[in-house]
Amino acid sequence: MDKRIGVIGIVIEDQDCVTEVNDILHQYGNIIVGRMGVPYRERGLNVISLIVDGTTDEIGALTGKLGKLKGLSVKSALSKK
């Protein structure tokens, strides 16, 4: 299966799920090329952006696990090739 490059954006509104998010990201560390996290204290949010390089199944599994968590939003965009 072909690999794709993508971007995943995560907005965490409930600080109680931060540990679970980090655990999931650790599980998929092999496809994460880069990560930037910004605590937006004035709004009580954390924003994480990921650059990923993996198959659509791997990236889908990562975003699927994150999407099941309460208190956050996750979106992804993938290259066409």
PDB file of N, CA and C in Angstrom:
ATOM      1  N   MET A   1       0.851  -1.178   0.000  1.00  0.00           N
ATOM      2  CA  MET A   1       0.000   0.000   0.000  1.00  0.00           C
ATOM      3  C   MET A   1       0.895   1.240   0.000  1.00  0.00           C
ATOM      4  N   ASP A   2       0.517   2.225  -0.801  1.00  0.00           N
ATOM      5  CA  ASP A   2       1.296   3.456  -0.910  1.00  0.00           C
ATOM      6  C   ASP A   2       1.169   4.319   0.330  1.00  0.00           C
ATOM      7  N   LYS A   3       2.266   4.984   0.646  1.00  0.00           N
ATOM      8  CA  LYS A   3       2.259   5.913   1.764  1.00  0.00           C
ATOM      9  C   LYS A   3       1.870   7.299   1.263  1.00  0.00           C
ATOM     10  N   ARG A   4       1.282   8.083   2.168  1.00  0.00           N
ATOM     11  CA  ARG A   4       0.899   9.449   1.855  1.00  0.00           C
ATOM     12  C   ARG A   4       1.416  10.374   2.946  1.00  0.00           C
ATOM     13  N   ILE A   5       1.616  11.612   2.558  1.00  0.00           N
ATOM     14  CA  ILE A   5       1.984  12.658   3.505  1.00  0.00           C
ATOM     15  C   ILE A   5       0.690  13.367   3.892  1.00  0.00           C
ATOM     16  N   GLY A   6       0.574  13.733   5.153  1.00  0.00           N
ATOM     17  CA  GLY A   6      -0.643  14.418   5.584  1.00  0.00           C
ATOM     18  C   GLY A   6      -0.403  15.328   6.768  1.00  0.00           C
ATOM     19  N   VAL A   7      -1.443  16.088   7.061  1.00  0.00           N
ATOM     20  CA  VAL A   7      -1.462  16.985   8.211  1.00  0.00           C
ATOM     21  C   VAL A   7      -2.674  16.619   9.049  1.00  0.00           C
ATOM     22  N   ILE A   8      -2.481  16.514  10.354  1.00  0.00           N
ATOM     23  CA  ILE A   8      -3.583  16.254  11.279  1.00  0.00           C
ATOM     24  C   ILE A   8      -3.624  17.405  12.268  1.00  0.00           C
ATOM     25  N   GLY A   9      -4.794  18.001  12.416  1.00  0.00           N
ATOM     26  CA  GLY A   9      -4.994  19.062  13.391  1.00  0.00           C
ATOM     27  C   GLY A   9      -5.863  18.574  14.536  1.00  0.00           C
ATOM     28  N   ILE A  10      -5.432  18.853  15.754  1.00  0.00           N
ATOM     29  CA  ILE A  10      -6.161  18.424  16.947  1.00  0.00           C
ATOM     30  C   ILE A  10      -6.388  19.640  17.833  1.00  0.00           C
ATOM     31  N   VAL A  11      -7.636  19.878  18.227  1.00  0.00           N
ATOM     32  CA  VAL A  11      -7.965  20.946  19.168  1.00  0.00           C
ATOM     33  C   VAL A  11      -8.530  20.274  20.416  1.00  0.00           C
ATOM     34  N   ILE A  12      -7.818  20.445  21.522  1.00  0.00           N
ATOM     35  CA  ILE A  12      -8.218  19.825  22.786  1.00  0.00           C
ATOM     36  C   ILE A  12      -8.898  20.866  23.659  1.00  0.00           C
ATOM     37  N   GLU A  13     -10.169  20.625  23.967  1.00  0.00           N
ATOM     38  CA  GLU A  13     -10.938  21.543  24.800  1.00  0.00           C
ATOM     39  C   GLU A  13     -11.033  21.059  26.242  1.00  0.00           C
ATOM     40  N   ASP A  14     -10.931  19.758  26.459  1.00  0.00           N
ATOM     41  CA  ASP A  14     -11.016  19.171  27.798  1.00  0.00           C
ATOM     42  C   ASP A  14      -9.642  18.643  28.191  1.00  0.00           C
ATOM     43  N   GLN A  15      -9.016  19.288  29.159  1.00  0.00           N
ATOM     44  CA  GLN A  15      -7.661  18.936  29.570  1.00  0.00           C
ATOM     45  C   GLN A  15      -7.559  17.522  30.140  1.00  0.00           C
ATOM     46  N   ASP A  16      -8.682  16.932  30.528  1.00  0.00           N
ATOM     47  CA  ASP A  16      -8.675  15.580  31.083  1.00  0.00           C
ATOM     48  C   ASP A  16      -8.270  14.522  30.068  1.00  0.00           C
ATOM     49  N   CYS A  17      -8.351  14.828  28.765  1.00  0.00           N
ATOM     50  CA  CYS A  17      -8.010  13.824  27.752  1.00  0.00           C
ATOM     51  C   CYS A  17      -6.584  13.961  27.228  1.00  0.00           C
ATOM     52  N   VAL A  18      -5.798  14.886  27.765  1.00  0.00           N
ATOM     53  CA  VAL A  18      -4.435  15.114  27.268  1.00  0.00           C
ATOM     54  C   VAL A  18      -3.569  13.860  27.393  1.00  0.00           C
ATOM     55  N   THR A  19      -3.646  13.167  28.506  1.00  0.00           N
ATOM     56  CA  THR A  19      -2.841  11.954  28.696  1.00  0.00           C
ATOM     57  C   THR A  19      -3.204  10.890  27.671  1.00  0.00           C
ATOM     58  N   GLU A  20      -4.505  10.721  27.419  1.00  0.00           N
ATOM     59  CA  GLU A  20      -4.939   9.730  26.422  1.00  0.00           C
ATOM     60  C   GLU A  20      -4.447  10.107  25.029  1.00  0.00           C
ATOM     61  N   VAL A  21      -4.499  11.395  24.696  1.00  0.00           N
ATOM     62  CA  VAL A  21      -4.012  11.862  23.394  1.00  0.00           C
ATOM     63  C   VAL A  21      -2.532  11.530  23.252  1.00  0.00           C
ATOM     64  N   ASN A  22      -1.739  11.856  24.257  1.00  0.00           N
ATOM     65  CA  ASN A  22      -0.301  11.579  24.197  1.00  0.00           C
ATOM     66  C   ASN A  22      -0.009  10.083  24.096  1.00  0.00           C
ATOM     67  N   ASP A  23      -0.800   9.253  24.775  1.00  0.00           N
ATOM     68  CA  ASP A  23      -0.627   7.802  24.668  1.00  0.00           C
ATOM     69  C   ASP A  23      -0.883   7.322  23.239  1.00  0.00           C
ATOM     70  N   ILE A  24      -1.941   7.820  22.627  1.00  0.00           N
ATOM     71  CA  ILE A  24      -2.264   7.427  21.244  1.00  0.00           C
ATOM     72  C   ILE A  24      -1.177   7.905  20.289  1.00  0.00           C
ATOM     73  N   LEU A  25      -0.722   9.149  20.462  1.00  0.00           N
ATOM     74  CA  LEU A  25       0.334   9.663  19.588  1.00  0.00           C
ATOM     75  C   LEU A  25       1.616   8.848  19.745  1.00  0.00           C
ATOM     76  N   HIS A  26       1.896   8.396  20.942  1.00  0.00           N
ATOM     77  CA  HIS A  26       3.068   7.549  21.172  1.00  0.00           C
ATOM     78  C   HIS A  26       2.942   6.222  20.416  1.00  0.00           C
ATOM     79  N   GLN A  27       1.734   5.651  20.410  1.00  0.00           N
ATOM     80  CA  GLN A  27       1.493   4.382  19.694  1.00  0.00           C
ATOM     81  C   GLN A  27       1.769   4.525  18.197  1.00  0.00           C
ATOM     82  N   TYR A  28       1.506   5.721  17.645  1.00  0.00           N
ATOM     83  CA  TYR A  28       1.661   5.955  16.208  1.00  0.00           C
ATOM     84  C   TYR A  28       2.896   6.794  15.894  1.00  0.00           C
ATOM     85  N   GLY A  29       3.854   6.799  16.805  1.00  0.00           N
ATOM     86  CA  GLY A  29       5.070   7.582  16.616  1.00  0.00           C
ATOM     87  C   GLY A  29       5.838   7.236  15.356  1.00  0.00           C
ATOM     88  N   ASN A  30       5.687   6.007  14.886  1.00  0.00           N
ATOM     89  CA  ASN A  30       6.404   5.579  13.681  1.00  0.00           C
ATOM     90  C   ASN A  30       5.931   6.288  12.411  1.00  0.00           C
ATOM     91  N   ILE A  31       4.735   6.878  12.401  1.00  0.00           N
ATOM     92  CA  ILE A  31       4.267   7.600  11.210  1.00  0.00           C
ATOM     93  C   ILE A  31       4.279   9.117  11.409  1.00  0.00           C
ATOM     94  N   ILE A  32       4.596   9.577  12.618  1.00  0.00           N
ATOM     95  CA  ILE A  32       4.616  11.015  12.886  1.00  0.00           C
ATOM     96  C   ILE A  32       5.995  11.565  12.552  1.00  0.00           C
ATOM     97  N   VAL A  33       6.030  12.476  11.573  1.00  0.00           N
ATOM     98  CA  VAL A  33       7.270  13.096  11.128  1.00  0.00           C
ATOM     99  C   VAL A  33       7.583  14.318  11.988  1.00  0.00           C
ATOM    100  N   GLY A  34       6.565  15.080  12.330  1.00  0.00           N
ATOM    101  CA  GLY A  34       6.743  16.281  13.136  1.00  0.00           C
ATOM    102  C   GLY A  34       5.494  16.586  13.942  1.00  0.00           C
ATOM    103  N   ARG A  35       5.709  17.296  15.045  1.00  0.00           N
ATOM    104  CA  ARG A  35       4.597  17.622  15.936  1.00  0.00           C
ATOM    105  C   ARG A  35       4.833  19.003  16.529  1.00  0.00           C
ATOM    106  N   MET A  36       3.790  19.823  16.534  1.00  0.00           N
ATOM    107  CA  MET A  36       3.867  21.115  17.193  1.00  0.00           C
ATOM    108  C   MET A  36       2.641  21.260  18.083  1.00  0.00           C
ATOM    109  N   GLY A  37       2.862  21.538  19.353  1.00  0.00           N
ATOM    110  CA  GLY A  37       1.769  21.732  20.294  1.00  0.00           C
ATOM    111  C   GLY A  37       1.816  23.140  20.860  1.00  0.00           C
ATOM    112  N   VAL A  38       0.655  23.789  20.884  1.00  0.00           N
ATOM    113  CA  VAL A  38       0.574  25.153  21.391  1.00  0.00           C
ATOM    114  C   VAL A  38      -0.521  25.220  22.450  1.00  0.00           C
ATOM    115  N   PRO A  39      -0.153  25.520  23.694  1.00  0.00           N
ATOM    116  CA  PRO A  39      -1.176  25.734  24.717  1.00  0.00           C
ATOM    117  C   PRO A  39      -1.730  27.154  24.551  1.00  0.00           C
ATOM    118  N   TYR A  40      -3.014  27.256  24.362  1.00  0.00           N
ATOM    119  CA  TYR A  40      -3.660  28.561  24.187  1.00  0.00           C
ATOM    120  C   TYR A  40      -4.391  28.857  25.493  1.00  0.00           C
ATOM    121  N   ARG A  41      -3.642  29.326  26.460  1.00  0.00           N
ATOM    122  CA  ARG A  41      -4.144  29.481  27.829  1.00  0.00           C
ATOM    123  C   ARG A  41      -5.312  30.453  27.936  1.00  0.00           C
ATOM    124  N   GLU A  42      -5.280  31.516  27.152  1.00  0.00           N
ATOM    125  CA  GLU A  42      -6.364  32.507  27.215  1.00  0.00           C
ATOM    126  C   GLU A  42      -7.725  31.901  26.871  1.00  0.00           C
ATOM    127  N   ARG A  43      -7.713  30.862  26.045  1.00  0.00           N
ATOM    128  CA  ARG A  43      -8.959  30.208  25.639  1.00  0.00           C
ATOM    129  C   ARG A  43      -9.155  28.864  26.322  1.00  0.00           C
ATOM    130  N   GLY A  44      -8.175  28.425  27.097  1.00  0.00           N
ATOM    131  CA  GLY A  44      -8.280  27.131  27.776  1.00  0.00           C
ATOM    132  C   GLY A  44      -8.204  25.947  26.827  1.00  0.00           C
ATOM    133  N   LEU A  45      -7.438  26.092  25.727  1.00  0.00           N
ATOM    134  CA  LEU A  45      -7.322  25.053  24.702  1.00  0.00           C
ATOM    135  C   LEU A  45      -5.873  24.646  24.508  1.00  0.00           C
ATOM    136  N   ASN A  46      -5.689  23.483  23.934  1.00  0.00           N
ATOM    137  CA  ASN A  46      -4.396  23.055  23.403  1.00  0.00           C
ATOM    138  C   ASN A  46      -4.606  22.726  21.940  1.00  0.00           C
ATOM    139  N   VAL A  47      -3.683  23.161  21.101  1.00  0.00           N
ATOM    140  CA  VAL A  47      -3.758  22.882  19.675  1.00  0.00           C
ATOM    141  C   VAL A  47      -2.508  22.120  19.282  1.00  0.00           C
ATOM    142  N   ILE A  48      -2.694  20.984  18.627  1.00  0.00           N
ATOM    143  CA  ILE A  48      -1.573  20.151  18.180  1.00  0.00           C
ATOM    144  C   ILE A  48      -1.696  19.966  16.673  1.00  0.00           C
ATOM    145  N   SER A  49      -0.575  20.179  15.973  1.00  0.00           N
ATOM    146  CA  SER A  49      -0.542  19.870  14.545  1.00  0.00           C
ATOM    147  C   SER A  49       0.517  18.797  14.320  1.00  0.00           C
ATOM    148  N   LEU A  50       0.166  17.836  13.500  1.00  0.00           N
ATOM    149  CA  LEU A  50       1.053  16.714  13.187  1.00  0.00           C
ATOM    150  C   LEU A  50       1.313  16.640  11.696  1.00  0.00           C
ATOM    151  N   ILE A  51       2.532  16.332  11.329  1.00  0.00           N
ATOM    152  CA  ILE A  51       2.863  15.955   9.963  1.00  0.00           C
ATOM    153  C   ILE A  51       3.050  14.443  10.006  1.00  0.00           C
ATOM    154  N   VAL A  52       2.339  13.719   9.146  1.00  0.00           N
ATOM    155  CA  VAL A  52       2.397  12.262   9.157  1.00  0.00           C
ATOM    156  C   VAL A  52       2.798  11.725   7.787  1.00  0.00           C
ATOM    157  N   ASP A  53       3.401  10.556   7.785  1.00  0.00           N
ATOM    158  CA  ASP A  53       3.794   9.851   6.568  1.00  0.00           C
ATOM    159  C   ASP A  53       3.469   8.377   6.789  1.00  0.00           C
ATOM    160  N   GLY A  54       2.363   7.941   6.214  1.00  0.00           N
ATOM    161  CA  GLY A  54       1.940   6.559   6.415  1.00  0.00           C
ATOM    162  C   GLY A  54       0.885   6.160   5.412  1.00  0.00           C
ATOM    163  N   THR A  55       0.428   4.935   5.516  1.00  0.00           N
ATOM    164  CA  THR A  55      -0.643   4.476   4.641  1.00  0.00           C
ATOM    165  C   THR A  55      -1.960   5.115   5.086  1.00  0.00           C
ATOM    166  N   THR A  56      -2.937   5.098   4.211  1.00  0.00           N
ATOM    167  CA  THR A  56      -4.243   5.655   4.575  1.00  0.00           C
ATOM    168  C   THR A  56      -4.855   4.876   5.738  1.00  0.00           C
ATOM    169  N   ASP A  57      -4.569   3.585   5.817  1.00  0.00           N
ATOM    170  CA  ASP A  57      -5.073   2.780   6.934  1.00  0.00           C
ATOM    171  C   ASP A  57      -4.451   3.216   8.254  1.00  0.00           C
ATOM    172  N   GLU A  58      -3.147   3.442   8.252  1.00  0.00           N
ATOM    173  CA  GLU A  58      -2.466   3.872   9.479  1.00  0.00           C
ATOM    174  C   GLU A  58      -2.944   5.249   9.930  1.00  0.00           C
ATOM    175  N   ILE A  59      -3.021   6.167   8.992  1.00  0.00           N
ATOM    176  CA  ILE A  59      -3.453   7.529   9.323  1.00  0.00           C
ATOM    177  C   ILE A  59      -4.912   7.530   9.760  1.00  0.00           C
ATOM    178  N   GLY A  60      -5.732   6.729   9.087  1.00  0.00           N
ATOM    179  CA  GLY A  60      -7.139   6.605   9.466  1.00  0.00           C
ATOM    180  C   GLY A  60      -7.326   6.011  10.846  1.00  0.00           C
ATOM    181  N   ALA A  61      -6.483   5.030  11.185  1.00  0.00           N
ATOM    182  CA  ALA A  61      -6.564   4.422  12.515  1.00  0.00           C
ATOM    183  C   ALA A  61      -6.192   5.443  13.594  1.00  0.00           C
ATOM    184  N   LEU A  62      -5.171   6.240  13.332  1.00  0.00           N
ATOM    185  CA  LEU A  62      -4.760   7.275  14.278  1.00  0.00           C
ATOM    186  C   LEU A  62      -5.868   8.299  14.485  1.00  0.00           C
ATOM    187  N   THR A  63      -6.393   8.836  13.403  1.00  0.00           N
ATOM    188  CA  THR A  63      -7.446   9.853  13.544  1.00  0.00           C
ATOM    189  C   THR A  63      -8.727   9.240  14.115  1.00  0.00           C
ATOM    190  N   GLY A  64      -8.990   7.976  13.804  1.00  0.00           N
ATOM    191  CA  GLY A  64     -10.167   7.304  14.352  1.00  0.00           C
ATOM    192  C   GLY A  64     -10.098   7.152  15.862  1.00  0.00           C
ATOM    193  N   LYS A  65      -8.927   6.743  16.361  1.00  0.00           N
ATOM    194  CA  LYS A  65      -8.767   6.598  17.818  1.00  0.00           C
ATOM    195  C   LYS A  65      -8.878   7.953  18.504  1.00  0.00           C
ATOM    196  N   LEU A  66      -8.275   8.977  17.915  1.00  0.00           N
ATOM    197  CA  LEU A  66      -8.374  10.317  18.498  1.00  0.00           C
ATOM    198  C   LEU A  66      -9.821  10.816  18.462  1.00  0.00           C
ATOM    199  N   GLY A  67     -10.501  10.556  17.367  1.00  0.00           N
ATOM    200  CA  GLY A  67     -11.875  11.020  17.198  1.00  0.00           C
ATOM    201  C   GLY A  67     -12.860  10.413  18.179  1.00  0.00           C
ATOM    202  N   LYS A  68     -12.524   9.267  18.760  1.00  0.00           N
ATOM    203  CA  LYS A  68     -13.407   8.627  19.735  1.00  0.00           C
ATOM    204  C   LYS A  68     -13.328   9.286  21.110  1.00  0.00           C
ATOM    205  N   LEU A  69     -12.289  10.081  21.341  1.00  0.00           N
ATOM    206  CA  LEU A  69     -12.125  10.728  22.643  1.00  0.00           C
ATOM    207  C   LEU A  69     -13.082  11.911  22.777  1.00  0.00           C
ATOM    208  N   LYS A  70     -13.646  12.057  23.946  1.00  0.00           N
ATOM    209  CA  LYS A  70     -14.503  13.200  24.241  1.00  0.00           C
ATOM    210  C   LYS A  70     -13.622  14.396  24.571  1.00  0.00           C
ATOM    211  N   GLY A  71     -14.047  15.568  24.164  1.00  0.00           N
ATOM    212  CA  GLY A  71     -13.340  16.785  24.547  1.00  0.00           C
ATOM    213  C   GLY A  71     -12.311  17.274  23.552  1.00  0.00           C
ATOM    214  N   LEU A  72     -12.305  16.692  22.344  1.00  0.00           N
ATOM    215  CA  LEU A  72     -11.386  17.198  21.329  1.00  0.00           C
ATOM    216  C   LEU A  72     -11.989  17.065  19.941  1.00  0.00           C
ATOM    217  N   SER A  73     -11.410  17.810  19.008  1.00  0.00           N
ATOM    218  CA  SER A  73     -11.778  17.733  17.599  1.00  0.00           C
ATOM    219  C   SER A  73     -10.528  17.375  16.819  1.00  0.00           C
ATOM    220  N   VAL A  74     -10.681  16.569  15.790  1.00  0.00           N
ATOM    221  CA  VAL A  74      -9.544  16.169  14.968  1.00  0.00           C
ATOM    222  C   VAL A  74      -9.958  16.192  13.503  1.00  0.00           C
ATOM    223  N   LYS A  75      -9.061  16.712  12.646  1.00  0.00           N
ATOM    224  CA  LYS A  75      -9.274  16.749  11.196  1.00  0.00           C
ATOM    225  C   LYS A  75      -7.966  16.407  10.514  1.00  0.00           C
ATOM    226  N   SER A  76      -8.067  15.821   9.332  1.00  0.00           N
ATOM    227  CA  SER A  76      -6.851  15.487   8.595  1.00  0.00           C
ATOM    228  C   SER A  76      -6.999  15.885   7.134  1.00  0.00           C
ATOM    229  N   ALA A  77      -5.836  16.109   6.505  1.00  0.00           N
ATOM    230  CA  ALA A  77      -5.771  16.364   5.066  1.00  0.00           C
ATOM    231  C   ALA A  77      -4.581  15.564   4.556  1.00  0.00           C
ATOM    232  N   LEU A  78      -4.788  14.814   3.460  1.00  0.00           N
ATOM    233  CA  LEU A  78      -3.737  13.945   2.919  1.00  0.00           C
ATOM    234  C   LEU A  78      -3.384  14.338   1.496  1.00  0.00           C
ATOM    235  N   SER A  79      -2.133  14.048   1.129  1.00  0.00           N
ATOM    236  CA  SER A  79      -1.704  14.264  -0.261  1.00  0.00           C
ATOM    237  C   SER A  79      -2.482  13.294  -1.155  1.00  0.00           C
ATOM    238  N   LYS A  80      -2.589  13.641  -2.415  1.00  0.00           N
ATOM    239  CA  LYS A  80      -3.312  12.777  -3.344  1.00  0.00           C
ATOM    240  C   LYS A  80      -2.442  11.623  -3.827  1.00  0.00           C
ATOM    241  N   LYS A  81      -1.123  11.759  -3.730  1.00  0.00           N
ATOM    242  CA  LYS A  81      -0.213  10.702  -4.173  1.00  0.00           C
ATOM    243  C   LYS A  81       0.578  10.168  -3.016  1.00  0.00           C
TER     244      LYS A  81
END
